[in-house]
């Protein structure tokens, strides 16, 4: 049996093979990280003007505009509240809170727009102090929605306080950067029969 003699060239080729595998592995990890960053970013909220804040199905209880100064621009966020079902005692009333981008000014060319994620919402009744929690709604494609079911205990005029917290994001060509957290409260009057 003859054995092939080991040369320095074999060691170099083995080292280069390992190096290539490491480079390919690092590149794959970077690609997966960028894909996860892109797909977990909030959706772009294009400026829609007063599309959701004018009287209609999305704002039958009221609408407000919040001017927000952000790291790479200014956004005017429209908050629209509506009751989706007729309010009665003992039966849940569905409420919808919609966040849309009424207008924006972008000060950095790398930013393509702004996005929003609602992180919490609560409704509190001034008559008996009862509160309700929230969930994500089935929003239109150019807005973000949070919904809640509220149970009224008495037939009277109720003052409801909606408190919403949302995280704003600067959207980049690839991924997003969290910008600021906004917490605001809005009061509506609701007559319950």
C-alpha atoms as a PDB file:
ATOM      1  CA  UNK A   1       0.000   0.000   0.000  1.00  0.00           C
ATOM      2  CA  UNK A   2       1.274   3.353  -0.859  1.00  0.00           C
ATOM      3  CA  UNK A   3       0.254   6.435   0.963  1.00  0.00           C
ATOM      4  CA  UNK A   4       0.063   9.773  -0.637  1.00  0.00           C
ATOM      5  CA  UNK A   5       2.342  12.230   1.026  1.00  0.00           C
ATOM      6  CA  UNK A   6       0.682  15.213   2.655  1.00  0.00           C
ATOM      7  CA  UNK A   7       1.824  18.522   1.319  1.00  0.00           C
ATOM      8  CA  UNK A   8       1.309  22.063   2.428  1.00  0.00           C
ATOM      9  CA  UNK A   9      -1.007  22.527  -0.564  1.00  0.00           C
ATOM     10  CA  UNK A  10      -3.582  20.086   0.903  1.00  0.00           C
ATOM     11  CA  UNK A  11      -3.659  22.050   4.163  1.00  0.00           C
ATOM     12  CA  UNK A  12      -4.241  25.326   2.300  1.00  0.00           C
ATOM     13  CA  UNK A  13      -7.090  23.802   0.238  1.00  0.00           C
ATOM     14  CA  UNK A  14      -8.763  22.446   3.391  1.00  0.00           C
ATOM     15  CA  UNK A  15      -8.444  25.831   5.078  1.00  0.00           C
ATOM     16  CA  UNK A  16      -9.988  27.623   2.077  1.00  0.00           C
ATOM     17  CA  UNK A  17     -12.897  25.150   2.039  1.00  0.00           C
ATOM     18  CA  UNK A  18     -13.654  25.854   5.690  1.00  0.00           C
ATOM     19  CA  UNK A  19     -13.338  29.583   5.118  1.00  0.00           C
ATOM     20  CA  UNK A  20     -15.835  29.450   2.214  1.00  0.00           C
ATOM     21  CA  UNK A  21     -18.345  27.593   4.377  1.00  0.00           C
ATOM     22  CA  UNK A  22     -18.033  30.180   7.133  1.00  0.00           C
ATOM     23  CA  UNK A  23     -18.505  33.074   4.675  1.00  0.00           C
ATOM     24  CA  UNK A  24     -21.562  31.414   3.117  1.00  0.00           C
ATOM     25  CA  UNK A  25     -23.030  30.737   6.588  1.00  0.00           C
ATOM     26  CA  UNK A  26     -22.511  34.351   7.674  1.00  0.00           C
ATOM     27  CA  UNK A  27     -24.116  35.638   4.460  1.00  0.00           C
ATOM     28  CA  UNK A  28     -27.139  33.362   4.950  1.00  0.00           C
ATOM     29  CA  UNK A  29     -27.549  34.550   8.540  1.00  0.00           C
ATOM     30  CA  UNK A  30     -27.445  38.185   7.362  1.00  0.00           C
ATOM     31  CA  UNK A  31     -30.029  37.510   4.618  1.00  0.00           C
ATOM     32  CA  UNK A  32     -32.388  35.761   7.071  1.00  0.00           C
ATOM     33  CA  UNK A  33     -31.986  38.595   9.605  1.00  0.00           C
ATOM     34  CA  UNK A  34     -32.801  41.218   6.949  1.00  0.00           C
ATOM     35  CA  UNK A  35     -35.846  39.227   5.805  1.00  0.00           C
ATOM     36  CA  UNK A  36     -37.156  38.906   9.370  1.00  0.00           C
ATOM     37  CA  UNK A  37     -36.575  42.645   9.937  1.00  0.00           C
ATOM     38  CA  UNK A  38     -38.478  43.490   6.739  1.00  0.00           C
ATOM     39  CA  UNK A  39     -41.418  41.164   7.332  1.00  0.00           C
ATOM     40  CA  UNK A  40     -41.901  42.134  10.988  1.00  0.00           C
ATOM     41  CA  UNK A  41     -41.988  45.864  10.192  1.00  0.00           C
ATOM     42  CA  UNK A  42     -45.382  47.588  10.287  1.00  0.00           C
ATOM     43  CA  UNK A  43     -47.073  48.382   7.014  1.00  0.00           C
ATOM     44  CA  UNK A  44     -46.649  51.748   5.349  1.00  0.00           C
ATOM     45  CA  UNK A  45     -49.439  54.198   6.161  1.00  0.00           C
ATOM     46  CA  UNK A  46     -49.777  56.392   3.071  1.00  0.00           C
ATOM     47  CA  UNK A  47     -51.234  59.885   3.518  1.00  0.00           C
ATOM     48  CA  UNK A  48     -55.003  59.566   3.017  1.00  0.00           C
ATOM     49  CA  UNK A  49     -56.187  63.056   4.014  1.00  0.00           C
ATOM     50  CA  UNK A  50     -59.582  63.064   5.717  1.00  0.00           C
ATOM     51  CA  UNK A  51     -60.747  59.773   4.147  1.00  0.00           C
ATOM     52  CA  UNK A  52     -61.500  58.189   7.554  1.00  0.00           C
ATOM     53  CA  UNK A  53     -61.957  61.282   9.724  1.00  0.00           C
ATOM     54  CA  UNK A  54     -64.948  62.773   7.935  1.00  0.00           C
ATOM     55  CA  UNK A  55     -68.406  61.725   9.077  1.00  0.00           C
ATOM     56  CA  UNK A  56     -69.034  58.152   8.071  1.00  0.00           C
ATOM     57  CA  UNK A  57     -68.782  54.555   9.229  1.00  0.00           C
ATOM     58  CA  UNK A  58     -65.266  54.978  10.669  1.00  0.00           C
ATOM     59  CA  UNK A  59     -65.862  58.203  12.624  1.00  0.00           C
ATOM     60  CA  UNK A  60     -69.518  58.310  13.713  1.00  0.00           C
ATOM     61  CA  UNK A  61     -68.435  59.016  17.355  1.00  0.00           C
ATOM     62  CA  UNK A  62     -65.707  61.546  16.496  1.00  0.00           C
ATOM     63  CA  UNK A  63     -62.296  62.130  14.988  1.00  0.00           C
ATOM     64  CA  UNK A  64     -59.138  63.959  16.052  1.00  0.00           C
ATOM     65  CA  UNK A  65     -55.849  64.860  14.365  1.00  0.00           C
ATOM     66  CA  UNK A  66     -52.581  64.535  16.288  1.00  0.00           C
ATOM     67  CA  UNK A  67     -49.513  66.355  14.912  1.00  0.00           C
ATOM     68  CA  UNK A  68     -46.454  64.210  15.704  1.00  0.00           C
ATOM     69  CA  UNK A  69     -42.872  65.383  15.218  1.00  0.00           C
ATOM     70  CA  UNK A  70     -40.649  62.415  14.548  1.00  0.00           C
ATOM     71  CA  UNK A  71     -36.937  61.851  13.973  1.00  0.00           C
ATOM     72  CA  UNK A  72     -37.210  62.022  10.165  1.00  0.00           C
ATOM     73  CA  UNK A  73     -40.267  64.168   9.597  1.00  0.00           C
ATOM     74  CA  UNK A  74     -43.705  65.155  10.784  1.00  0.00           C
ATOM     75  CA  UNK A  75     -46.908  63.149  10.575  1.00  0.00           C
ATOM     76  CA  UNK A  76     -50.507  64.170  11.193  1.00  0.00           C
ATOM     77  CA  UNK A  77     -52.191  61.077  12.585  1.00  0.00           C
ATOM     78  CA  UNK A  78     -56.009  60.972  12.345  1.00  0.00           C
ATOM     79  CA  UNK A  79     -57.824  59.052  15.097  1.00  0.00           C
ATOM     80  CA  UNK A  80     -61.407  58.039  14.226  1.00  0.00           C
ATOM     81  CA  UNK A  81     -63.801  56.340  16.661  1.00  0.00           C
ATOM     82  CA  UNK A  82     -67.095  54.686  15.783  1.00  0.00           C
ATOM     83  CA  UNK A  83     -69.576  52.330  17.333  1.00  0.00           C
ATOM     84  CA  UNK A  84     -70.191  49.505  14.903  1.00  0.00           C
ATOM     85  CA  UNK A  85     -73.280  48.128  16.667  1.00  0.00           C
ATOM     86  CA  UNK A  86     -76.198  49.885  18.348  1.00  0.00           C
ATOM     87  CA  UNK A  87     -75.552  50.445  22.100  1.00  0.00           C
ATOM     88  CA  UNK A  88     -77.947  48.699  24.537  1.00  0.00           C
ATOM     89  CA  UNK A  89     -77.659  47.482  28.100  1.00  0.00           C
ATOM     90  CA  UNK A  90     -76.690  43.839  28.545  1.00  0.00           C
ATOM     91  CA  UNK A  91     -75.529  43.440  24.945  1.00  0.00           C
ATOM     92  CA  UNK A  92     -71.979  44.188  23.893  1.00  0.00           C
ATOM     93  CA  UNK A  93     -71.381  47.289  21.778  1.00  0.00           C
ATOM     94  CA  UNK A  94     -68.569  47.022  19.248  1.00  0.00           C
ATOM     95  CA  UNK A  95     -66.258  50.039  19.013  1.00  0.00           C
ATOM     96  CA  UNK A  96     -63.610  50.705  16.407  1.00  0.00           C
ATOM     97  CA  UNK A  97     -60.624  53.034  16.746  1.00  0.00           C
ATOM     98  CA  UNK A  98     -58.849  53.707  13.466  1.00  0.00           C
ATOM     99  CA  UNK A  99     -55.405  55.329  13.127  1.00  0.00           C
ATOM    100  CA  UNK A 100     -54.591  56.780   9.708  1.00  0.00           C
ATOM    101  CA  UNK A 101     -51.962  59.107   8.271  1.00  0.00           C
ATOM    102  CA  UNK A 102     -53.743  62.318   7.280  1.00  0.00           C
ATOM    103  CA  UNK A 103     -50.601  64.033   5.997  1.00  0.00           C
ATOM    104  CA  UNK A 104     -46.830  63.835   6.360  1.00  0.00           C
ATOM    105  CA  UNK A 105     -43.567  65.637   5.697  1.00  0.00           C
ATOM    106  CA  UNK A 106     -40.426  63.516   5.339  1.00  0.00           C
ATOM    107  CA  UNK A 107     -37.074  65.236   5.973  1.00  0.00           C
ATOM    108  CA  UNK A 108     -34.691  62.382   5.076  1.00  0.00           C
ATOM    109  CA  UNK A 109     -34.541  60.716   1.667  1.00  0.00           C
ATOM    110  CA  UNK A 110     -33.764  57.281   3.164  1.00  0.00           C
ATOM    111  CA  UNK A 111     -37.199  57.179   4.878  1.00  0.00           C
ATOM    112  CA  UNK A 112     -40.050  56.074   2.615  1.00  0.00           C
ATOM    113  CA  UNK A 113     -42.839  56.806   5.101  1.00  0.00           C
ATOM    114  CA  UNK A 114     -44.265  56.046   8.511  1.00  0.00           C
ATOM    115  CA  UNK A 115     -45.936  53.053  10.121  1.00  0.00           C
ATOM    116  CA  UNK A 116     -47.930  52.528  13.328  1.00  0.00           C
ATOM    117  CA  UNK A 117     -48.645  49.632  15.688  1.00  0.00           C
ATOM    118  CA  UNK A 118     -51.361  49.983  18.344  1.00  0.00           C
ATOM    119  CA  UNK A 119     -49.903  48.566  21.562  1.00  0.00           C
ATOM    120  CA  UNK A 120     -52.829  49.171  23.935  1.00  0.00           C
ATOM    121  CA  UNK A 121     -56.325  50.605  24.095  1.00  0.00           C
ATOM    122  CA  UNK A 122     -58.828  50.851  26.914  1.00  0.00           C
ATOM    123  CA  UNK A 123     -62.325  52.246  27.249  1.00  0.00           C
ATOM    124  CA  UNK A 124     -63.581  53.535  30.596  1.00  0.00           C
ATOM    125  CA  UNK A 125     -67.153  54.562  31.454  1.00  0.00           C
ATOM    126  CA  UNK A 126     -67.670  57.614  33.697  1.00  0.00           C
ATOM    127  CA  UNK A 127     -71.008  56.304  35.041  1.00  0.00           C
ATOM    128  CA  UNK A 128     -69.837  53.115  36.756  1.00  0.00           C
ATOM    129  CA  UNK A 129     -66.095  53.065  36.059  1.00  0.00           C
ATOM    130  CA  UNK A 130     -66.226  49.838  34.061  1.00  0.00           C
ATOM    131  CA  UNK A 131     -63.474  49.247  31.507  1.00  0.00           C
ATOM    132  CA  UNK A 132     -62.879  47.009  28.518  1.00  0.00           C
ATOM    133  CA  UNK A 133     -59.878  45.587  26.698  1.00  0.00           C
ATOM    134  CA  UNK A 134     -59.109  45.569  23.003  1.00  0.00           C
ATOM    135  CA  UNK A 135     -58.031  43.517  20.020  1.00  0.00           C
ATOM    136  CA  UNK A 136     -56.754  44.110  16.503  1.00  0.00           C
ATOM    137  CA  UNK A 137     -59.444  44.788  13.963  1.00  0.00           C
ATOM    138  CA  UNK A 138     -59.769  44.048  10.271  1.00  0.00           C
ATOM    139  CA  UNK A 139     -58.487  47.432   9.111  1.00  0.00           C
ATOM    140  CA  UNK A 140     -58.559  48.823   5.600  1.00  0.00           C
ATOM    141  CA  UNK A 141     -55.239  48.549   3.769  1.00  0.00           C
ATOM    142  CA  UNK A 142     -54.143  52.136   4.462  1.00  0.00           C
ATOM    143  CA  UNK A 143     -54.937  52.399   8.208  1.00  0.00           C
ATOM    144  CA  UNK A 144     -54.497  50.558  11.521  1.00  0.00           C
ATOM    145  CA  UNK A 145     -57.515  49.494  13.592  1.00  0.00           C
ATOM    146  CA  UNK A 146     -58.138  48.438  17.183  1.00  0.00           C
ATOM    147  CA  UNK A 147     -61.545  47.147  18.272  1.00  0.00           C
ATOM    148  CA  UNK A 148     -63.302  46.556  21.569  1.00  0.00           C
ATOM    149  CA  UNK A 149     -66.614  45.278  22.897  1.00  0.00           C
ATOM    150  CA  UNK A 150     -68.075  47.363  25.708  1.00  0.00           C
ATOM    151  CA  UNK A 151     -70.954  46.243  27.962  1.00  0.00           C
ATOM    152  CA  UNK A 152     -73.173  49.029  29.294  1.00  0.00           C
ATOM    153  CA  UNK A 153     -74.883  48.342  32.624  1.00  0.00           C
ATOM    154  CA  UNK A 154     -77.333  51.275  32.707  1.00  0.00           C
ATOM    155  CA  UNK A 155     -79.557  53.183  30.319  1.00  0.00           C
ATOM    156  CA  UNK A 156     -78.323  56.772  30.459  1.00  0.00           C
ATOM    157  CA  UNK A 157     -75.904  59.172  28.801  1.00  0.00           C
ATOM    158  CA  UNK A 158     -72.397  57.777  29.167  1.00  0.00           C
ATOM    159  CA  UNK A 159     -69.072  59.577  28.754  1.00  0.00           C
ATOM    160  CA  UNK A 160     -66.527  57.067  27.453  1.00  0.00           C
ATOM    161  CA  UNK A 161     -62.801  57.727  27.659  1.00  0.00           C
ATOM    162  CA  UNK A 162     -60.722  55.948  24.997  1.00  0.00           C
ATOM    163  CA  UNK A 163     -57.022  55.764  25.868  1.00  0.00           C
ATOM    164  CA  UNK A 164     -54.809  54.471  23.082  1.00  0.00           C
ATOM    165  CA  UNK A 165     -51.051  53.893  22.915  1.00  0.00           C
ATOM    166  CA  UNK A 166     -49.307  53.339  19.623  1.00  0.00           C
ATOM    167  CA  UNK A 167     -45.705  52.992  18.500  1.00  0.00           C
ATOM    168  CA  UNK A 168     -44.672  55.009  15.456  1.00  0.00           C
ATOM    169  CA  UNK A 169     -41.999  53.727  13.068  1.00  0.00           C
ATOM    170  CA  UNK A 170     -39.806  55.264  10.381  1.00  0.00           C
ATOM    171  CA  UNK A 171     -39.990  52.884   7.422  1.00  0.00           C
ATOM    172  CA  UNK A 172     -36.794  52.384   5.454  1.00  0.00           C
ATOM    173  CA  UNK A 173     -36.390  50.733   2.045  1.00  0.00           C
ATOM    174  CA  UNK A 174     -35.522  47.604   4.024  1.00  0.00           C
ATOM    175  CA  UNK A 175     -36.959  47.339   7.541  1.00  0.00           C
ATOM    176  CA  UNK A 176     -38.010  50.003  10.032  1.00  0.00           C
ATOM    177  CA  UNK A 177     -36.804  51.964  13.042  1.00  0.00           C
ATOM    178  CA  UNK A 178     -39.026  52.560  16.092  1.00  0.00           C
ATOM    179  CA  UNK A 179     -39.442  56.301  16.527  1.00  0.00           C
ATOM    180  CA  UNK A 180     -41.742  57.338  19.346  1.00  0.00           C
ATOM    181  CA  UNK A 181     -44.570  56.052  21.490  1.00  0.00           C
ATOM    182  CA  UNK A 182     -47.760  58.121  21.615  1.00  0.00           C
ATOM    183  CA  UNK A 183     -50.437  57.858  24.320  1.00  0.00           C
ATOM    184  CA  UNK A 184     -53.611  59.930  23.939  1.00  0.00           C
ATOM    185  CA  UNK A 185     -57.112  59.959  25.389  1.00  0.00           C
ATOM    186  CA  UNK A 186     -60.362  60.874  23.673  1.00  0.00           C
ATOM    187  CA  UNK A 187     -63.820  61.405  25.200  1.00  0.00           C
ATOM    188  CA  UNK A 188     -67.071  60.558  23.456  1.00  0.00           C
ATOM    189  CA  UNK A 189     -70.680  60.730  24.600  1.00  0.00           C
ATOM    190  CA  UNK A 190     -72.873  57.689  24.094  1.00  0.00           C
ATOM    191  CA  UNK A 191     -76.614  57.493  24.797  1.00  0.00           C
ATOM    192  CA  UNK A 192     -77.716  54.003  25.796  1.00  0.00           C
ATOM    193  CA  UNK A 193     -81.375  52.965  25.727  1.00  0.00           C
END
